[in-house]
Protein backbone atom coordinates (compact mmCIF):
# COMPACT_ATOMS: atom_id res chain seq x y z
CA MET A 1 111.86 79.00 123.23
CA LEU A 2 114.13 81.98 123.87
CA VAL A 3 114.25 84.41 120.93
CA ALA A 4 116.32 87.59 120.70
CA VAL A 5 115.45 90.38 118.25
CA ALA A 6 118.06 92.97 117.37
CA SER A 7 119.44 95.10 114.57
CA ILE A 8 122.93 95.78 113.36
CA LYS A 9 122.88 99.36 112.14
CA GLY A 10 120.16 101.51 113.58
CA SER A 11 117.18 99.92 115.29
CA PRO A 12 114.44 99.64 112.67
CA PHE A 13 111.16 98.18 113.89
CA VAL A 14 112.90 95.88 116.40
CA THR A 15 110.44 96.58 119.21
CA SER A 16 107.46 96.26 116.86
CA VAL A 17 108.69 92.89 115.58
CA THR A 18 109.23 91.73 119.16
CA VAL A 19 105.70 92.63 120.23
CA ALA A 20 104.11 91.26 117.03
CA LEU A 21 105.89 87.94 117.41
CA ALA A 22 104.73 87.57 121.02
CA ALA A 23 101.16 88.67 120.18
CA ARG A 24 100.77 86.19 117.33
CA TRP A 25 102.61 83.22 118.81
CA PRO A 26 100.28 80.20 118.56
CA VAL A 27 100.88 79.15 122.17
CA PRO A 28 99.53 81.56 124.84
CA GLY A 29 101.77 82.98 127.54
CA ALA A 30 104.51 84.67 125.50
CA VAL A 31 106.65 87.19 127.40
CA VAL A 32 108.55 90.19 126.04
CA VAL A 33 111.70 91.28 127.87
CA GLU A 34 112.80 94.81 127.03
CA ALA A 35 116.59 94.66 127.21
CA ASP A 36 117.40 97.59 124.93
CA PRO A 37 120.39 99.42 126.43
CA ALA A 38 119.06 102.67 124.93
CA GLY A 39 116.00 102.50 127.19
CA GLY A 40 112.53 101.06 127.02
CA ASP A 41 109.63 102.36 124.94
CA LEU A 42 106.72 100.02 125.63
CA ALA A 43 105.70 101.42 129.03
CA PHE A 44 105.31 104.88 127.53
CA ARG A 45 103.57 103.55 124.41
CA PHE A 46 100.88 101.68 126.31
CA GLY A 47 100.51 103.95 129.33
CA HIS A 48 102.04 101.72 132.00
CA ARG A 49 104.33 102.38 134.92
CA ARG A 50 107.81 100.95 134.49
CA GLU A 51 107.67 99.16 137.83
CA PRO A 52 107.69 96.26 138.35
CA GLY A 53 110.03 95.61 135.47
CA LEU A 54 113.62 95.01 134.47
CA SER A 55 115.06 97.23 137.21
CA GLU A 56 113.34 95.22 139.94
CA LEU A 57 114.41 91.97 138.30
CA ALA A 58 118.03 93.14 138.23
CA ALA A 59 117.90 94.28 141.85
CA ASP A 60 116.31 91.07 143.14
CA THR A 61 118.82 88.83 141.35
CA ARG A 62 122.05 90.54 142.40
CA ALA A 63 122.88 87.50 144.54
CA GLY A 64 121.48 85.00 142.01
CA ASP A 65 118.03 84.30 140.64
CA GLN A 66 117.23 81.86 143.49
CA GLY A 67 114.37 80.28 141.56
CA ARG A 68 112.47 83.51 140.99
CA ASP A 69 109.54 83.62 138.58
CA LEU A 70 109.79 85.91 135.55
CA ALA A 71 106.01 86.41 135.64
CA ALA A 72 106.34 88.41 138.87
CA TYR A 73 108.01 91.23 136.91
CA THR A 74 105.63 91.37 133.94
CA GLN A 75 102.71 93.64 133.10
CA ARG A 76 100.08 92.94 130.45
CA ILE A 77 99.59 95.48 127.67
CA ALA A 78 96.49 95.98 125.52
CA LEU A 79 97.63 93.44 122.93
CA GLY A 80 97.45 90.65 125.50
CA VAL A 81 101.24 90.37 125.81
CA ASP A 82 103.12 90.22 129.11
CA VAL A 83 106.07 92.62 129.13
CA VAL A 84 109.03 93.14 131.45
CA PHE A 85 109.44 96.89 130.99
CA ALA A 86 112.90 98.42 130.75
CA PRO A 87 113.73 101.65 132.59
CA ALA A 88 114.33 104.91 130.82
CA ASP A 89 117.96 105.63 130.02
CA GLN A 90 118.43 108.13 132.84
CA LEU A 91 121.76 109.40 134.09
CA VAL A 92 122.95 108.02 137.39
CA ASP A 93 125.03 109.74 140.02
CA GLU A 94 128.17 107.65 139.73
CA PRO A 95 131.80 108.30 138.82
CA ALA A 96 132.53 108.61 135.14
CA GLY A 97 133.68 105.54 133.26
CA PRO A 98 136.73 105.10 131.00
CA HIS A 99 134.97 107.03 128.22
CA GLY A 100 134.42 110.10 130.37
CA ARG A 101 130.82 109.58 131.44
CA ALA A 102 128.90 107.16 133.59
CA PRO A 103 126.66 104.64 131.83
CA GLY A 104 122.93 105.25 131.97
CA GLN A 105 120.57 103.40 134.25
CA CYS A 106 119.27 101.12 131.50
CA VAL A 107 122.79 100.08 130.48
CA GLN A 108 123.59 99.08 134.05
CA VAL A 109 120.30 97.21 134.45
CA VAL A 110 120.83 95.24 131.23
CA GLN A 111 124.37 94.39 132.35
CA MET A 112 123.06 92.99 135.63
CA VAL A 113 120.29 91.00 133.95
CA ALA A 114 122.71 89.57 131.38
CA ARG A 115 125.08 88.54 134.15
CA ASN A 116 122.60 87.10 136.65
CA CYS A 117 119.38 86.12 134.86
CA LEU A 118 120.34 83.84 131.99
CA GLY A 119 119.25 80.77 133.93
CA LEU A 120 115.97 82.41 134.89
CA LEU A 121 115.21 83.29 131.26
CA ARG A 122 116.08 79.79 130.08
CA ARG A 123 113.75 78.25 132.65
CA ALA A 124 110.94 80.60 131.70
CA ALA A 125 111.47 79.78 128.01
CA ALA A 126 111.18 76.04 128.62
CA ASP A 127 107.36 76.09 128.33
CA ARG A 128 106.60 79.42 126.66
CA LEU A 129 108.03 81.95 124.23
CA VAL A 130 110.32 84.56 125.74
CA VAL A 131 111.29 87.32 123.30
CA VAL A 132 114.18 89.62 124.22
CA ASP A 133 114.29 93.06 122.61
CA ALA A 134 118.04 93.71 122.42
CA GLY A 135 117.84 96.92 120.36
CA ARG A 136 120.85 97.86 118.26
CA LEU A 137 123.83 95.57 118.64
CA ASP A 138 127.38 96.81 118.75
CA TRP A 139 130.45 95.04 120.05
CA ALA A 140 130.16 96.75 123.46
CA SER A 141 126.43 96.16 123.94
CA PRO A 142 125.57 94.84 127.41
CA ALA A 143 122.83 92.73 125.79
CA LEU A 144 125.31 90.51 123.92
CA PRO A 145 125.18 87.69 126.53
CA LEU A 146 121.39 87.61 126.21
CA VAL A 147 121.69 87.41 122.43
CA CYS A 148 124.25 84.62 122.56
CA ALA A 149 122.16 82.58 125.03
CA ALA A 150 119.02 82.68 122.85
CA ASP A 151 117.80 79.77 120.75
CA VAL A 152 117.16 82.06 117.78
CA LEU A 153 118.51 85.52 116.95
CA LEU A 154 116.38 87.55 114.53
CA LEU A 155 118.30 90.38 112.87
CA ALA A 156 115.88 93.06 111.69
CA THR A 157 117.00 94.87 108.56
CA TRP A 158 115.70 96.96 105.72
CA PRO A 159 116.04 95.42 102.25
CA GLY A 160 118.23 98.21 100.84
CA VAL A 161 121.75 97.59 99.61
CA GLU A 162 123.39 99.50 102.48
CA ALA A 163 121.43 97.69 105.19
CA VAL A 164 122.03 94.27 103.68
CA ASP A 165 125.74 95.02 103.31
CA ALA A 166 125.92 96.14 106.96
CA VAL A 167 124.67 92.72 108.04
CA GLN A 168 126.84 90.83 105.59
CA VAL A 169 130.13 92.42 106.70
CA ARG A 170 129.33 91.73 110.38
CA ARG A 171 127.96 88.22 109.95
CA ASP A 172 131.14 86.30 110.72
CA ARG A 173 131.88 88.33 113.82
CA ILE A 174 128.34 87.80 115.11
CA LEU A 175 128.56 84.06 114.58
CA ALA A 176 131.92 84.01 116.38
CA LEU A 177 130.75 85.82 119.54
CA PRO A 178 131.83 84.00 122.72
CA GLY A 179 129.19 81.54 123.84
CA MET A 180 127.10 82.02 120.69
CA ARG A 181 124.47 79.29 120.53
CA ALA A 182 121.66 81.08 118.71
CA SER A 183 120.56 80.25 115.19
CA VAL A 184 120.84 83.59 113.38
CA ARG A 185 118.18 84.59 110.85
CA LEU A 186 117.00 87.73 109.10
CA VAL A 187 113.69 89.57 109.26
CA VAL A 188 113.28 91.89 106.27
CA ALA A 189 110.95 94.90 106.41
CA GLY A 190 109.18 96.44 103.48
CA ARG A 191 109.20 95.36 99.87
CA PRO A 192 112.65 94.10 98.86
CA PRO A 193 113.94 95.00 95.38
CA CYS A 194 114.77 91.35 94.76
CA PRO A 195 113.56 87.96 96.01
CA VAL A 196 114.38 87.28 99.64
CA GLU A 197 116.26 84.18 98.51
CA GLU A 198 118.82 86.47 96.86
CA ILE A 199 119.17 88.48 100.08
CA ALA A 200 119.70 85.28 102.04
CA ALA A 201 122.34 84.13 99.55
CA ALA A 202 124.15 87.48 99.64
CA VAL A 203 124.22 87.70 103.44
CA GLY A 204 124.73 84.01 104.07
CA LEU A 205 121.85 83.83 106.56
CA PRO A 206 118.34 82.42 106.08
CA VAL A 207 115.40 84.82 105.99
CA ALA A 208 112.88 83.95 108.70
CA GLY A 209 110.21 86.22 107.27
CA GLN A 210 109.09 89.53 105.83
CA VAL A 211 107.30 92.31 107.67
CA PRO A 212 105.23 94.48 105.33
CA GLN A 213 104.94 98.21 105.87
CA ASP A 214 101.44 98.82 107.21
CA GLN A 215 100.42 102.03 108.92
CA ARG A 216 97.45 100.54 110.74
CA GLY A 217 99.40 97.61 112.13
CA ALA A 218 102.33 99.82 113.09
CA ALA A 219 99.98 102.17 114.94
CA VAL A 220 98.52 99.26 116.93
CA LEU A 221 101.96 97.94 117.85
CA ALA A 222 103.05 101.44 118.85
CA GLY A 223 100.04 101.92 121.12
CA ARG A 224 98.55 104.69 118.98
CA ALA A 225 95.52 102.64 117.87
CA THR A 226 93.23 100.09 119.48
CA PRO A 227 93.18 96.55 118.11
CA ALA A 228 89.97 96.34 116.14
CA TRP A 229 89.83 92.66 115.35
CA GLY A 230 91.88 89.47 115.27
CA GLY A 231 92.44 86.75 117.79
CA ARG A 232 93.89 87.35 121.24
CA GLY A 233 93.72 91.13 121.01
CA SER A 234 95.89 91.66 117.96
CA SER A 235 95.04 93.46 114.74
CA CYS A 236 97.01 90.92 112.74
CA PRO A 237 95.52 87.49 112.03
CA ALA A 238 98.58 86.07 110.36
CA ARG A 239 100.83 83.83 112.36
CA PRO A 240 104.54 83.23 111.93
CA GLY A 241 105.28 80.48 109.43
CA ARG A 242 108.41 78.57 108.59
CA SER A 243 109.32 80.24 105.35
CA ARG A 244 107.29 83.48 105.38
CA TRP A 245 106.21 85.53 108.35
CA ARG A 246 103.57 88.14 107.57
CA CYS A 247 102.42 90.21 110.51
CA MET A 248 100.96 93.66 111.14
CA ARG A 249 98.44 93.46 108.31
CA ARG A 250 95.28 91.65 107.34
CA ILE A 251 95.74 89.16 104.54
CA ARG A 252 92.66 88.76 102.46
CA PRO A 253 92.78 86.67 99.29
CA ALA A 254 91.54 88.36 96.11
CA PRO A 255 88.03 87.23 95.13
CA ALA A 256 87.94 84.71 92.34
CA PRO A 257 86.50 86.00 89.05
CA VAL A 258 82.88 85.08 88.47
CA VAL A 259 82.26 83.67 85.01
CA GLY A 260 79.36 85.47 83.36
CA ALA A 261 79.57 88.62 85.49
CA PRO A 262 79.74 91.91 83.56
CA CYS A 263 83.10 93.64 83.42
CA ARG A 264 83.37 96.97 85.20
CA ARG A 265 85.50 98.40 82.45
CA CYS A 266 83.38 97.94 79.33
CA CYS A 267 80.40 95.69 80.18
CA GLY A 268 80.54 94.41 76.63
CA PRO A 269 79.77 90.88 75.45
CA ARG A 270 83.44 90.27 74.61
CA CYS A 271 85.66 91.66 77.32
CA ARG A 272 89.35 91.55 76.50
CA SER A 273 90.31 92.76 79.98
CA ARG A 274 88.73 89.62 81.48
CA ARG A 275 90.24 87.51 78.69
CA GLN A 276 87.15 85.40 78.51
CA GLN A 277 83.76 85.34 76.79
CA TRP A 278 80.47 85.20 78.58
């Protein structure tokens, strides 16, 4: 499956969602492709060199992908996820464009990958999950062809009124992008002020899941903390579900009340706080 993760206004937690999805995918072998035109972050977060990565993939496929293997351009980070690292958004020594300045290196690399590597990504996604971090989308983003070619597009958004409205007013134009084949869904971060069903109804897009705000999980996904527990090197045991997707935190059910146990509040024979007699 080929999944693209992006945002509409700003780029909230897009990279973290991308890594968390790949780390907790139930089938091993998921690959993250950093295609953020603003430059990659994961190599710096996890202390890796950026080569081999997206720049080498773009250079080797200038004349076509010629059956190349995406795995040759990946590096494994501490979470057990294979990543194709994006270059930093450095200036290049080229003539200025129509807007008065030359595009950065990462913009050019993403343009080349979007033009030459769609077939390679589709082949790689035939038997594994390939997640593309597309960063913030605008109508001139070089990552738009990658987004349109995905099976699923996850739009990351905050649950506030302004963020939801920003997605709603751009929904029709996103769905009408040339070559759009992706099923577009929302990923909501934090605690929404209303049920997610109301957000889905207001935007006109289904909500794929909610990402809670968790400092420990965010630190692990940002490379600032070591995964302490959880399967396959992740600090988050939850796996993506169909209706709710909880990642980046440990979900522990509350212990069931023990009939006959003394109440911590009053320890009396008739405890109103426990609403039961013992």
